[in-house]
């Protein structure tokens, strides 16, 4: 799906707002439709622009972002929310998650953290817009349930967390050892790229390499999740 996800940024600091805008527009498939510096303006733009995603701060001049999030839910706006804020209080985080924010990012943050959040959201949104039903494994892959307790941070240059998770989940779903060619075809990446991700999973002890010997030729490297 080539849908461009329309985004509203709610942030009272002009410098941070501009940084967020630039970060979001660097991610393919997202466009910033509008910006607001307080809750009243945000509510007006929600009605006017009908964005699909809101990037929301907590500390706003007229009220706090948690109250706006509650209002978004009570009024039934069909919009998803990613909270980006300096707030670290456990009770605030709990409220934000209870009212349905799909992610919580603490300032200051790196571009890669927001990028991973947006790409994960795009996969989730696209999958939920497809026709038909989802099985448990597909739901687990979308919600990250059943994924390893590793965050896959500080990856080697050229590796992307979203693709790494897709490779991991594809192997888990197949429930057998897979070679790089099978993973490449299943995930939609090049074979040499698939091999790099498989070798990384093997090096971290997440996947296990097995050599499959045939009657002739070189053995085939197959990887299964430990």
N, C-alpha and C. Protein backbone atom coordinates (compact mmCIF):
# COMPACT_ATOMS: atom_id res chain seq x y z
N UNK A 1 0.85 -1.19 0.00
CA UNK A 1 0.00 0.00 0.00
C UNK A 1 0.88 1.25 0.00
N UNK A 2 0.55 2.22 -0.84
CA UNK A 2 1.37 3.41 -0.98
C UNK A 2 0.75 4.62 -0.30
N UNK A 3 -0.16 4.38 0.63
CA UNK A 3 -0.82 5.48 1.34
C UNK A 3 0.20 6.33 2.09
N UNK A 4 0.04 7.63 2.00
CA UNK A 4 0.87 8.54 2.78
C UNK A 4 0.12 8.88 4.07
N UNK A 5 0.71 8.55 5.19
CA UNK A 5 0.06 8.72 6.48
C UNK A 5 0.15 10.18 6.90
N UNK A 6 -1.01 10.82 7.04
CA UNK A 6 -1.04 12.24 7.40
C UNK A 6 -0.88 12.41 8.90
N UNK A 7 -0.06 13.38 9.29
CA UNK A 7 0.37 13.52 10.68
C UNK A 7 0.15 14.94 11.17
N UNK A 8 -0.29 15.05 12.42
CA UNK A 8 -0.42 16.34 13.11
C UNK A 8 0.56 16.34 14.28
N UNK A 9 1.39 17.38 14.37
CA UNK A 9 2.34 17.53 15.47
C UNK A 9 1.78 18.53 16.48
N UNK A 10 1.71 18.14 17.74
CA UNK A 10 1.26 19.03 18.81
C UNK A 10 2.43 19.24 19.76
N UNK A 11 3.05 20.41 19.69
CA UNK A 11 4.29 20.71 20.43
C UNK A 11 4.40 22.22 20.60
N UNK A 12 4.63 22.69 21.83
CA UNK A 12 4.64 24.13 22.05
C UNK A 12 6.00 24.79 21.83
N UNK A 13 7.07 24.01 21.80
CA UNK A 13 8.40 24.56 21.56
C UNK A 13 8.65 24.62 20.05
N UNK A 14 8.78 25.82 19.46
CA UNK A 14 8.93 25.93 18.01
C UNK A 14 10.14 25.17 17.46
N UNK A 15 11.24 25.17 18.19
CA UNK A 15 12.44 24.49 17.72
C UNK A 15 12.23 22.97 17.69
N UNK A 16 11.67 22.45 18.78
CA UNK A 16 11.41 21.01 18.85
C UNK A 16 10.37 20.62 17.79
N UNK A 17 9.37 21.47 17.61
CA UNK A 17 8.34 21.20 16.60
C UNK A 17 8.97 21.06 15.22
N UNK A 18 9.88 21.96 14.90
CA UNK A 18 10.52 21.91 13.58
C UNK A 18 11.40 20.68 13.43
N UNK A 19 12.10 20.30 14.50
CA UNK A 19 12.92 19.08 14.46
C UNK A 19 12.03 17.87 14.21
N UNK A 20 10.92 17.80 14.95
CA UNK A 20 9.99 16.68 14.77
C UNK A 20 9.45 16.62 13.35
N UNK A 21 9.13 17.81 12.81
CA UNK A 21 8.63 17.86 11.43
C UNK A 21 9.67 17.29 10.45
N UNK A 22 10.92 17.74 10.60
CA UNK A 22 11.97 17.27 9.69
C UNK A 22 12.21 15.78 9.84
N UNK A 23 12.20 15.29 11.07
CA UNK A 23 12.39 13.86 11.30
C UNK A 23 11.28 13.05 10.62
N UNK A 24 10.04 13.46 10.83
CA UNK A 24 8.90 12.71 10.29
C UNK A 24 8.94 12.70 8.77
N UNK A 25 9.25 13.83 8.17
CA UNK A 25 9.24 13.91 6.71
C UNK A 25 10.43 13.21 6.07
N UNK A 26 11.40 12.79 6.89
CA UNK A 26 12.50 11.95 6.39
C UNK A 26 12.08 10.49 6.24
N UNK A 27 10.98 10.12 6.87
CA UNK A 27 10.52 8.73 6.84
C UNK A 27 9.53 8.56 5.70
N UNK A 28 9.82 7.65 4.80
CA UNK A 28 8.98 7.43 3.63
C UNK A 28 7.57 7.00 4.05
N UNK A 29 6.58 7.62 3.44
CA UNK A 29 5.19 7.24 3.70
C UNK A 29 4.50 8.10 4.72
N UNK A 30 5.16 9.19 5.17
CA UNK A 30 4.56 10.08 6.17
C UNK A 30 4.62 11.52 5.68
N UNK A 31 3.58 12.29 5.96
CA UNK A 31 3.59 13.72 5.65
C UNK A 31 2.99 14.48 6.83
N UNK A 32 3.57 15.63 7.14
CA UNK A 32 3.05 16.48 8.21
C UNK A 32 1.97 17.37 7.63
N UNK A 33 0.75 17.16 8.08
CA UNK A 33 -0.40 17.88 7.53
C UNK A 33 -0.62 19.20 8.26
N UNK A 34 -0.21 19.25 9.54
CA UNK A 34 -0.41 20.46 10.31
C UNK A 34 0.35 20.41 11.61
N UNK A 35 0.46 21.58 12.27
CA UNK A 35 1.13 21.67 13.56
C UNK A 35 0.29 22.53 14.50
N UNK A 36 0.36 22.22 15.78
CA UNK A 36 -0.37 23.00 16.79
C UNK A 36 0.53 23.18 18.00
N UNK A 37 0.38 24.33 18.68
CA UNK A 37 1.21 24.62 19.84
C UNK A 37 0.42 24.60 21.14
N UNK A 38 -0.88 24.31 21.06
CA UNK A 38 -1.68 24.14 22.27
C UNK A 38 -2.85 23.21 21.97
N UNK A 39 -3.57 22.83 23.01
CA UNK A 39 -4.64 21.84 22.85
C UNK A 39 -5.83 22.37 22.06
N UNK A 40 -6.17 23.65 22.26
CA UNK A 40 -7.30 24.22 21.52
C UNK A 40 -7.05 24.19 20.02
N UNK A 41 -5.84 24.59 19.63
CA UNK A 41 -5.50 24.58 18.21
C UNK A 41 -5.45 23.15 17.69
N UNK A 42 -4.94 22.24 18.51
CA UNK A 42 -4.87 20.83 18.11
C UNK A 42 -6.26 20.26 17.85
N UNK A 43 -7.20 20.59 18.74
CA UNK A 43 -8.57 20.09 18.58
C UNK A 43 -9.20 20.64 17.30
N UNK A 44 -8.94 21.92 17.02
CA UNK A 44 -9.48 22.52 15.79
C UNK A 44 -8.92 21.83 14.55
N UNK A 45 -7.61 21.54 14.57
CA UNK A 45 -6.99 20.91 13.41
C UNK A 45 -7.38 19.44 13.28
N UNK A 46 -7.64 18.79 14.40
CA UNK A 46 -8.14 17.41 14.33
C UNK A 46 -9.46 17.36 13.57
N UNK A 47 -10.34 18.31 13.85
CA UNK A 47 -11.62 18.37 13.15
C UNK A 47 -11.45 18.79 11.69
N UNK A 48 -10.53 19.70 11.45
CA UNK A 48 -10.37 20.27 10.10
C UNK A 48 -9.59 19.34 9.18
N UNK A 49 -8.46 18.81 9.67
CA UNK A 49 -7.54 18.06 8.81
C UNK A 49 -7.78 16.56 8.84
N UNK A 50 -8.37 16.07 9.93
CA UNK A 50 -8.62 14.63 10.11
C UNK A 50 -7.36 13.80 9.84
N UNK A 51 -6.28 14.08 10.58
CA UNK A 51 -5.04 13.32 10.39
C UNK A 51 -5.20 11.87 10.84
N UNK A 52 -4.29 11.04 10.39
CA UNK A 52 -4.32 9.63 10.79
C UNK A 52 -3.42 9.36 12.00
N UNK A 53 -2.48 10.27 12.24
CA UNK A 53 -1.54 10.09 13.35
C UNK A 53 -1.28 11.45 14.01
N UNK A 54 -1.20 11.44 15.34
CA UNK A 54 -0.86 12.65 16.09
C UNK A 54 0.42 12.40 16.88
N UNK A 55 1.38 13.31 16.73
CA UNK A 55 2.60 13.30 17.55
C UNK A 55 2.36 14.33 18.65
N UNK A 56 2.27 13.86 19.91
CA UNK A 56 1.74 14.69 20.98
C UNK A 56 2.73 14.85 22.13
N UNK A 57 2.91 16.10 22.57
CA UNK A 57 3.70 16.40 23.77
C UNK A 57 2.74 16.45 24.97
N UNK A 58 3.29 16.30 26.17
CA UNK A 58 2.46 16.38 27.38
C UNK A 58 2.40 17.80 27.91
N UNK A 59 3.56 18.48 27.93
CA UNK A 59 3.61 19.81 28.54
C UNK A 59 3.21 20.87 27.53
N UNK A 60 1.94 21.29 27.59
CA UNK A 60 1.39 22.30 26.68
C UNK A 60 0.86 23.47 27.50
N UNK A 61 0.76 24.67 26.92
CA UNK A 61 0.45 25.86 27.71
C UNK A 61 -0.97 25.91 28.28
N UNK A 62 -1.96 25.37 27.58
CA UNK A 62 -3.33 25.50 28.05
C UNK A 62 -3.81 24.31 28.87
N UNK A 63 -3.34 23.13 28.56
CA UNK A 63 -3.64 21.93 29.35
C UNK A 63 -2.54 20.93 29.03
N UNK A 64 -2.61 19.72 29.59
CA UNK A 64 -1.55 18.76 29.27
C UNK A 64 -2.01 17.76 28.22
N UNK A 65 -1.03 17.15 27.59
CA UNK A 65 -1.31 16.24 26.49
C UNK A 65 -2.12 15.02 26.88
N UNK A 66 -2.02 14.60 28.14
CA UNK A 66 -2.81 13.46 28.60
C UNK A 66 -4.30 13.79 28.52
N UNK A 67 -4.65 15.02 28.93
CA UNK A 67 -6.05 15.44 28.86
C UNK A 67 -6.53 15.50 27.41
N UNK A 68 -5.65 15.96 26.51
CA UNK A 68 -6.04 15.99 25.09
C UNK A 68 -6.22 14.56 24.58
N UNK A 69 -5.33 13.66 24.98
CA UNK A 69 -5.46 12.26 24.57
C UNK A 69 -6.80 11.69 25.05
N UNK A 70 -7.17 11.97 26.30
CA UNK A 70 -8.46 11.50 26.83
C UNK A 70 -9.61 12.06 26.00
N UNK A 71 -9.49 13.34 25.61
CA UNK A 71 -10.56 13.99 24.84
C UNK A 71 -10.66 13.37 23.45
N UNK A 72 -9.50 13.07 22.86
CA UNK A 72 -9.48 12.42 21.54
C UNK A 72 -10.25 11.11 21.60
N UNK A 73 -10.02 10.35 22.68
CA UNK A 73 -10.70 9.06 22.82
C UNK A 73 -12.20 9.25 23.11
N UNK A 74 -12.54 10.19 23.99
CA UNK A 74 -13.94 10.38 24.35
C UNK A 74 -14.77 10.90 23.18
N UNK A 75 -14.14 11.66 22.28
CA UNK A 75 -14.85 12.22 21.13
C UNK A 75 -14.84 11.28 19.93
N UNK A 76 -14.11 10.19 20.05
CA UNK A 76 -14.13 9.17 19.00
C UNK A 76 -13.36 9.51 17.74
N UNK A 77 -12.34 10.38 17.85
CA UNK A 77 -11.52 10.66 16.66
C UNK A 77 -10.82 9.39 16.21
N UNK A 78 -10.93 9.01 14.93
CA UNK A 78 -10.26 7.81 14.43
C UNK A 78 -8.78 8.10 14.12
N UNK A 79 -8.01 8.31 15.16
CA UNK A 79 -6.62 8.73 14.99
C UNK A 79 -5.75 7.98 16.00
N UNK A 80 -4.52 7.70 15.59
CA UNK A 80 -3.54 7.06 16.49
C UNK A 80 -2.61 8.13 17.03
N UNK A 81 -2.01 7.84 18.19
CA UNK A 81 -1.20 8.84 18.89
C UNK A 81 0.14 8.24 19.31
N UNK A 82 1.21 8.96 19.03
CA UNK A 82 2.54 8.68 19.56
C UNK A 82 2.91 9.84 20.48
N UNK A 83 3.21 9.54 21.73
CA UNK A 83 3.57 10.57 22.69
C UNK A 83 5.08 10.80 22.65
N UNK A 84 5.49 12.05 22.48
CA UNK A 84 6.91 12.43 22.53
C UNK A 84 7.04 13.52 23.58
N UNK A 85 7.71 13.24 24.68
CA UNK A 85 7.70 14.16 25.81
C UNK A 85 8.90 13.93 26.71
N UNK A 86 9.17 14.90 27.57
CA UNK A 86 10.22 14.75 28.57
C UNK A 86 9.68 14.12 29.85
N UNK A 87 8.38 13.92 29.95
CA UNK A 87 7.77 13.37 31.17
C UNK A 87 8.19 11.92 31.37
N UNK A 88 8.66 11.62 32.57
CA UNK A 88 9.11 10.26 32.89
C UNK A 88 8.34 9.66 34.06
N UNK A 89 7.37 10.38 34.57
CA UNK A 89 6.62 9.90 35.73
C UNK A 89 5.83 8.64 35.38
N UNK A 90 5.93 7.63 36.24
CA UNK A 90 5.30 6.35 35.96
C UNK A 90 3.78 6.46 35.82
N UNK A 91 3.16 7.28 36.65
CA UNK A 91 1.71 7.40 36.59
C UNK A 91 1.26 8.05 35.28
N UNK A 92 2.05 9.01 34.79
CA UNK A 92 1.73 9.64 33.50
C UNK A 92 1.85 8.63 32.38
N UNK A 93 2.95 7.88 32.37
CA UNK A 93 3.16 6.87 31.34
C UNK A 93 2.02 5.85 31.35
N UNK A 94 1.62 5.44 32.55
CA UNK A 94 0.52 4.47 32.68
C UNK A 94 -0.77 5.03 32.09
N UNK A 95 -1.08 6.30 32.39
CA UNK A 95 -2.29 6.93 31.85
C UNK A 95 -2.25 6.99 30.32
N UNK A 96 -1.08 7.38 29.80
CA UNK A 96 -0.93 7.50 28.35
C UNK A 96 -1.18 6.16 27.67
N UNK A 97 -0.62 5.10 28.22
CA UNK A 97 -0.80 3.77 27.63
C UNK A 97 -2.24 3.28 27.80
N UNK A 98 -2.84 3.60 28.94
CA UNK A 98 -4.23 3.19 29.15
C UNK A 98 -5.18 3.84 28.16
N UNK A 99 -4.86 5.06 27.75
CA UNK A 99 -5.73 5.76 26.80
C UNK A 99 -5.29 5.54 25.35
N UNK A 100 -4.49 4.53 25.13
CA UNK A 100 -4.31 4.02 23.78
C UNK A 100 -3.21 4.62 22.93
N UNK A 101 -2.22 5.30 23.52
CA UNK A 101 -1.08 5.74 22.71
C UNK A 101 -0.32 4.51 22.23
N UNK A 102 0.13 4.53 20.99
CA UNK A 102 0.80 3.35 20.45
C UNK A 102 2.29 3.34 20.77
N UNK A 103 2.83 4.47 21.22
CA UNK A 103 4.24 4.50 21.61
C UNK A 103 4.48 5.69 22.53
N UNK A 104 5.56 5.61 23.30
CA UNK A 104 5.93 6.67 24.25
C UNK A 104 7.43 6.89 24.10
N UNK A 105 7.80 8.05 23.58
CA UNK A 105 9.21 8.36 23.30
C UNK A 105 9.63 9.52 24.20
N UNK A 106 10.74 9.33 24.91
CA UNK A 106 11.22 10.34 25.87
C UNK A 106 12.24 11.25 25.20
N UNK A 107 12.05 12.55 25.37
CA UNK A 107 13.03 13.54 24.89
C UNK A 107 14.24 13.56 25.82
N UNK A 108 15.42 13.84 25.27
CA UNK A 108 15.74 13.90 23.85
C UNK A 108 15.85 12.49 23.27
N UNK A 109 15.63 12.36 22.00
CA UNK A 109 15.66 11.04 21.36
C UNK A 109 16.40 11.16 20.03
N UNK A 110 16.85 10.01 19.54
CA UNK A 110 17.54 9.96 18.26
C UNK A 110 16.53 9.76 17.13
N UNK A 111 16.91 10.19 15.94
CA UNK A 111 16.05 10.01 14.77
C UNK A 111 15.68 8.54 14.60
N UNK A 112 16.64 7.63 14.82
CA UNK A 112 16.40 6.21 14.60
C UNK A 112 15.27 5.69 15.49
N UNK A 113 15.13 6.25 16.71
CA UNK A 113 14.07 5.79 17.61
C UNK A 113 12.70 6.16 17.04
N UNK A 114 12.55 7.39 16.58
CA UNK A 114 11.29 7.81 15.98
C UNK A 114 11.05 7.08 14.66
N UNK A 115 12.09 6.91 13.88
CA UNK A 115 11.96 6.21 12.60
C UNK A 115 11.42 4.79 12.81
N UNK A 116 11.99 4.07 13.78
CA UNK A 116 11.53 2.71 14.05
C UNK A 116 10.07 2.70 14.50
N UNK A 117 9.69 3.70 15.31
CA UNK A 117 8.31 3.80 15.77
C UNK A 117 7.37 4.02 14.60
N UNK A 118 7.73 4.93 13.70
CA UNK A 118 6.88 5.24 12.56
C UNK A 118 6.78 4.07 11.59
N UNK A 119 7.90 3.40 11.34
CA UNK A 119 7.88 2.26 10.43
C UNK A 119 7.06 1.11 10.99
N UNK A 120 7.19 0.88 12.31
CA UNK A 120 6.38 -0.16 12.95
C UNK A 120 4.90 0.18 12.85
N UNK A 121 4.58 1.46 13.05
CA UNK A 121 3.19 1.89 12.95
C UNK A 121 2.66 1.71 11.53
N UNK A 122 3.49 2.02 10.54
CA UNK A 122 3.06 1.86 9.15
C UNK A 122 2.75 0.41 8.83
N UNK A 123 3.59 -0.51 9.30
CA UNK A 123 3.33 -1.94 9.10
C UNK A 123 2.01 -2.32 9.76
N UNK A 124 1.81 -1.88 11.00
CA UNK A 124 0.58 -2.18 11.73
C UNK A 124 -0.64 -1.64 11.00
N UNK A 125 -0.59 -0.39 10.61
CA UNK A 125 -1.73 0.25 9.95
C UNK A 125 -2.07 -0.45 8.63
N UNK A 126 -1.06 -0.71 7.83
CA UNK A 126 -1.29 -1.35 6.54
C UNK A 126 -1.87 -2.75 6.71
N UNK A 127 -1.36 -3.48 7.70
CA UNK A 127 -1.85 -4.84 7.93
C UNK A 127 -3.30 -4.83 8.37
N UNK A 128 -3.67 -3.90 9.22
CA UNK A 128 -5.04 -3.85 9.72
C UNK A 128 -6.03 -3.36 8.68
N UNK A 129 -5.53 -2.74 7.61
CA UNK A 129 -6.43 -2.27 6.56
C UNK A 129 -6.66 -3.32 5.48
N UNK A 130 -5.95 -4.43 5.55
CA UNK A 130 -6.17 -5.51 4.59
C UNK A 130 -7.47 -6.24 4.90
N UNK A 131 -8.03 -6.88 3.90
CA UNK A 131 -9.25 -7.66 4.09
C UNK A 131 -8.93 -8.99 4.77
N UNK A 132 -9.95 -9.58 5.37
CA UNK A 132 -9.78 -10.89 5.97
C UNK A 132 -9.48 -10.83 7.45
N UNK A 133 -9.07 -11.96 7.99
CA UNK A 133 -8.82 -12.10 9.42
C UNK A 133 -7.34 -12.28 9.68
N UNK A 134 -6.95 -12.18 10.97
CA UNK A 134 -5.57 -12.38 11.39
C UNK A 134 -5.50 -13.59 12.31
N UNK A 135 -4.44 -14.39 12.17
CA UNK A 135 -4.25 -15.48 13.12
C UNK A 135 -3.38 -14.99 14.28
N UNK A 136 -3.17 -15.85 15.28
CA UNK A 136 -2.46 -15.43 16.48
C UNK A 136 -1.03 -14.99 16.18
N UNK A 137 -0.35 -15.71 15.30
CA UNK A 137 1.05 -15.36 14.99
C UNK A 137 1.14 -13.99 14.34
N UNK A 138 0.18 -13.67 13.47
CA UNK A 138 0.18 -12.36 12.82
C UNK A 138 -0.10 -11.26 13.84
N UNK A 139 -1.04 -11.51 14.76
CA UNK A 139 -1.31 -10.53 15.81
C UNK A 139 -0.09 -10.34 16.70
N UNK A 140 0.58 -11.44 17.05
CA UNK A 140 1.79 -11.35 17.86
C UNK A 140 2.86 -10.53 17.17
N UNK A 141 2.99 -10.72 15.86
CA UNK A 141 4.02 -9.98 15.13
C UNK A 141 3.72 -8.49 15.10
N UNK A 142 2.43 -8.12 15.06
CA UNK A 142 2.05 -6.71 15.02
C UNK A 142 2.18 -6.03 16.37
N UNK A 143 1.94 -6.79 17.43
CA UNK A 143 1.99 -6.22 18.78
C UNK A 143 3.33 -6.46 19.46
N UNK A 144 4.25 -7.15 18.76
CA UNK A 144 5.57 -7.52 19.29
C UNK A 144 5.48 -8.52 20.44
N UNK A 145 4.30 -9.14 20.63
CA UNK A 145 4.20 -10.20 21.63
C UNK A 145 4.95 -11.42 21.13
N UNK A 146 5.66 -12.08 22.02
CA UNK A 146 6.40 -13.26 21.65
C UNK A 146 7.72 -12.97 20.96
N UNK A 147 8.07 -11.72 20.80
CA UNK A 147 9.37 -11.39 20.24
C UNK A 147 10.42 -11.49 21.33
N UNK A 148 11.69 -11.61 20.96
CA UNK A 148 12.72 -11.76 21.97
C UNK A 148 12.85 -10.51 22.82
N UNK A 149 13.36 -10.63 24.05
CA UNK A 149 13.46 -9.49 24.94
C UNK A 149 14.56 -8.53 24.57
N UNK A 150 15.13 -8.68 23.39
CA UNK A 150 16.19 -7.79 22.93
C UNK A 150 15.57 -6.65 22.14
N UNK A 151 16.09 -5.46 22.32
CA UNK A 151 15.56 -4.30 21.60
C UNK A 151 16.23 -4.13 20.24
N UNK A 152 17.29 -4.92 19.96
CA UNK A 152 18.01 -4.82 18.70
C UNK A 152 18.57 -3.42 18.49
N UNK A 153 19.02 -2.79 19.57
CA UNK A 153 19.62 -1.47 19.46
C UNK A 153 21.10 -1.60 19.09
N UNK A 154 21.68 -0.51 18.65
CA UNK A 154 23.09 -0.46 18.28
C UNK A 154 23.44 -1.52 17.25
N UNK A 155 22.61 -1.61 16.22
CA UNK A 155 22.84 -2.59 15.17
C UNK A 155 24.04 -2.18 14.31
N UNK A 156 24.70 -3.16 13.70
CA UNK A 156 25.78 -2.82 12.77
C UNK A 156 25.27 -1.95 11.63
N UNK A 157 26.14 -1.19 11.05
CA UNK A 157 25.77 -0.30 9.95
C UNK A 157 25.15 -1.12 8.82
N UNK A 158 24.01 -0.62 8.32
CA UNK A 158 23.35 -1.29 7.21
C UNK A 158 22.20 -2.19 7.63
N UNK A 159 22.09 -2.48 8.94
CA UNK A 159 20.98 -3.29 9.44
C UNK A 159 19.92 -2.39 10.05
N UNK A 160 18.67 -2.75 9.82
CA UNK A 160 17.53 -1.96 10.30
C UNK A 160 16.69 -2.80 11.25
N UNK A 161 16.27 -2.20 12.36
CA UNK A 161 15.53 -2.95 13.38
C UNK A 161 14.23 -3.54 12.85
N UNK A 162 13.51 -2.79 12.03
CA UNK A 162 12.23 -3.28 11.52
C UNK A 162 12.44 -4.51 10.65
N UNK A 163 13.41 -4.45 9.75
CA UNK A 163 13.68 -5.60 8.88
C UNK A 163 14.17 -6.78 9.70
N UNK A 164 14.98 -6.52 10.73
CA UNK A 164 15.48 -7.58 11.58
C UNK A 164 14.32 -8.31 12.27
N UNK A 165 13.36 -7.55 12.76
CA UNK A 165 12.20 -8.18 13.40
C UNK A 165 11.37 -8.97 12.39
N UNK A 166 11.26 -8.45 11.17
CA UNK A 166 10.51 -9.18 10.13
C UNK A 166 11.18 -10.51 9.80
N UNK A 167 12.50 -10.50 9.72
CA UNK A 167 13.25 -11.74 9.47
C UNK A 167 13.03 -12.71 10.61
N UNK A 168 13.18 -12.22 11.84
CA UNK A 168 13.00 -13.06 13.02
C UNK A 168 11.61 -13.69 13.04
N UNK A 169 10.58 -12.86 12.85
CA UNK A 169 9.19 -13.34 12.92
C UNK A 169 8.86 -14.30 11.78
N UNK A 170 9.47 -14.10 10.62
CA UNK A 170 9.23 -15.00 9.49
C UNK A 170 9.76 -16.40 9.80
N UNK A 171 10.94 -16.45 10.41
CA UNK A 171 11.51 -17.75 10.78
C UNK A 171 10.66 -18.41 11.86
N UNK A 172 10.23 -17.62 12.84
CA UNK A 172 9.37 -18.16 13.91
C UNK A 172 8.09 -18.74 13.32
N UNK A 173 7.48 -18.03 12.37
CA UNK A 173 6.21 -18.47 11.79
C UNK A 173 6.38 -19.77 11.02
N UNK A 174 7.50 -19.95 10.32
CA UNK A 174 7.71 -21.15 9.51
C UNK A 174 8.05 -22.38 10.35
N UNK A 175 8.57 -22.15 11.57
CA UNK A 175 8.83 -23.24 12.53
C UNK A 175 9.79 -24.29 11.99
N UNK A 176 10.74 -23.87 11.18
CA UNK A 176 11.77 -24.78 10.66
C UNK A 176 12.96 -23.97 10.22
N UNK A 177 14.06 -24.65 9.98
CA UNK A 177 15.25 -23.95 9.52
C UNK A 177 15.07 -23.43 8.10
N UNK A 178 15.49 -22.19 7.88
CA UNK A 178 15.36 -21.57 6.57
C UNK A 178 16.70 -21.10 6.06
N UNK A 179 16.88 -21.16 4.75
CA UNK A 179 18.08 -20.62 4.14
C UNK A 179 17.86 -19.16 3.76
N UNK A 180 18.92 -18.49 3.37
CA UNK A 180 18.83 -17.06 3.05
C UNK A 180 17.89 -16.81 1.88
N UNK A 181 17.88 -17.70 0.90
CA UNK A 181 17.02 -17.51 -0.27
C UNK A 181 15.54 -17.57 0.13
N UNK A 182 15.19 -18.50 1.03
CA UNK A 182 13.80 -18.61 1.47
C UNK A 182 13.37 -17.37 2.27
N UNK A 183 14.26 -16.90 3.14
CA UNK A 183 13.95 -15.71 3.94
C UNK A 183 13.82 -14.49 3.04
N UNK A 184 14.72 -14.37 2.07
CA UNK A 184 14.68 -13.23 1.15
C UNK A 184 13.35 -13.17 0.41
N UNK A 185 12.90 -14.33 -0.09
CA UNK A 185 11.64 -14.38 -0.83
C UNK A 185 10.45 -14.09 0.09
N UNK A 186 10.48 -14.63 1.32
CA UNK A 186 9.36 -14.46 2.24
C UNK A 186 9.22 -13.05 2.78
N UNK A 187 10.36 -12.39 3.03
CA UNK A 187 10.33 -11.04 3.62
C UNK A 187 10.31 -9.96 2.55
N UNK A 188 10.82 -10.31 1.34
CA UNK A 188 10.86 -9.32 0.27
C UNK A 188 12.12 -8.49 0.25
N UNK A 189 13.26 -9.14 0.54
CA UNK A 189 14.55 -8.45 0.52
C UNK A 189 15.52 -9.25 -0.35
N UNK A 190 16.68 -8.68 -0.63
CA UNK A 190 17.68 -9.38 -1.44
C UNK A 190 18.29 -10.53 -0.65
N UNK A 191 18.75 -11.54 -1.35
CA UNK A 191 19.33 -12.71 -0.68
C UNK A 191 20.55 -12.35 0.12
N UNK A 192 21.40 -11.47 -0.41
CA UNK A 192 22.60 -11.09 0.32
C UNK A 192 22.23 -10.31 1.59
N UNK A 193 21.15 -9.53 1.51
CA UNK A 193 20.67 -8.81 2.69
C UNK A 193 20.13 -9.78 3.73
N UNK A 194 19.35 -10.75 3.28
CA UNK A 194 18.81 -11.76 4.19
C UNK A 194 19.94 -12.49 4.89
N UNK A 195 21.00 -12.81 4.17
CA UNK A 195 22.14 -13.52 4.77
C UNK A 195 22.78 -12.70 5.87
N UNK A 196 22.87 -11.40 5.68
CA UNK A 196 23.47 -10.54 6.72
C UNK A 196 22.65 -10.56 8.00
N UNK A 197 21.32 -10.49 7.84
CA UNK A 197 20.46 -10.51 9.04
C UNK A 197 20.52 -11.87 9.72
N UNK A 198 20.54 -12.93 8.96
CA UNK A 198 20.62 -14.27 9.53
C UNK A 198 21.94 -14.47 10.27
N UNK A 199 23.01 -14.01 9.69
CA UNK A 199 24.32 -14.13 10.35
C UNK A 199 24.36 -13.31 11.63
N UNK A 200 23.70 -12.15 11.62
CA UNK A 200 23.65 -11.33 12.84
C UNK A 200 22.86 -12.06 13.93
N UNK A 201 21.70 -12.62 13.61
CA UNK A 201 20.91 -13.36 14.58
C UNK A 201 21.70 -14.55 15.14
N UNK A 202 22.46 -15.19 14.27
CA UNK A 202 23.30 -16.31 14.70
C UNK A 202 24.39 -15.83 15.66
N UNK A 203 25.01 -14.69 15.35
CA UNK A 203 26.10 -14.17 16.18
C UNK A 203 25.62 -13.76 17.56
N UNK A 204 24.34 -13.40 17.68
CA UNK A 204 23.76 -12.99 18.96
C UNK A 204 23.14 -14.15 19.73
N UNK A 205 23.21 -15.34 19.15
CA UNK A 205 22.64 -16.50 19.82
C UNK A 205 21.13 -16.58 19.74
N UNK A 206 20.51 -15.79 18.86
CA UNK A 206 19.06 -15.80 18.71
C UNK A 206 18.65 -16.87 17.70
N UNK A 207 19.44 -17.02 16.67
CA UNK A 207 19.21 -18.07 15.68
C UNK A 207 20.36 -19.07 15.72
N UNK A 208 20.08 -20.25 15.24
CA UNK A 208 21.10 -21.31 15.24
C UNK A 208 21.33 -21.78 13.82
N UNK A 209 22.59 -21.87 13.45
CA UNK A 209 22.96 -22.31 12.10
C UNK A 209 23.03 -23.82 12.05
N UNK A 210 22.39 -24.39 11.03
CA UNK A 210 22.45 -25.83 10.78
C UNK A 210 22.90 -26.04 9.34
N UNK A 211 23.79 -26.97 9.12
CA UNK A 211 24.26 -27.28 7.77
C UNK A 211 23.48 -28.47 7.23
N UNK A 212 22.85 -28.28 6.08
CA UNK A 212 22.09 -29.35 5.45
C UNK A 212 22.91 -29.88 4.28
N UNK A 213 23.31 -31.13 4.40
CA UNK A 213 24.15 -31.74 3.37
C UNK A 213 23.29 -32.50 2.37
N UNK A 214 23.56 -32.26 1.08
CA UNK A 214 22.89 -33.00 0.02
C UNK A 214 23.82 -34.03 -0.57
N UNK A 215 23.38 -34.63 -1.64
CA UNK A 215 24.20 -35.67 -2.27
C UNK A 215 25.39 -35.08 -3.02
N UNK A 216 25.22 -33.87 -3.55
CA UNK A 216 26.30 -33.20 -4.27
C UNK A 216 26.31 -31.73 -3.89
N UNK A 217 27.45 -31.05 -4.17
CA UNK A 217 27.54 -29.62 -3.97
C UNK A 217 27.80 -29.22 -2.53
N UNK A 218 27.84 -27.94 -2.30
CA UNK A 218 28.10 -27.39 -0.97
C UNK A 218 26.88 -27.54 -0.08
N UNK A 219 27.09 -27.65 1.26
CA UNK A 219 25.95 -27.73 2.18
C UNK A 219 25.18 -26.41 2.19
N UNK A 220 23.90 -26.47 2.54
CA UNK A 220 23.04 -25.29 2.62
C UNK A 220 22.97 -24.82 4.07
N UNK A 221 23.21 -23.53 4.27
CA UNK A 221 23.08 -22.95 5.61
C UNK A 221 21.61 -22.70 5.92
N UNK A 222 21.11 -23.32 6.98
CA UNK A 222 19.73 -23.11 7.41
C UNK A 222 19.74 -22.56 8.84
N UNK A 223 18.85 -21.61 9.09
CA UNK A 223 18.80 -20.93 10.38
C UNK A 223 17.45 -21.17 11.03
N UNK A 224 17.46 -21.52 12.30
CA UNK A 224 16.24 -21.67 13.09
C UNK A 224 16.39 -20.88 14.37
N UNK A 225 15.27 -20.47 14.96
CA UNK A 225 15.31 -19.69 16.19
C UNK A 225 15.57 -20.62 17.37
N UNK A 226 16.50 -20.20 18.22
CA UNK A 226 16.88 -21.02 19.37
C UNK A 226 15.74 -21.06 20.38
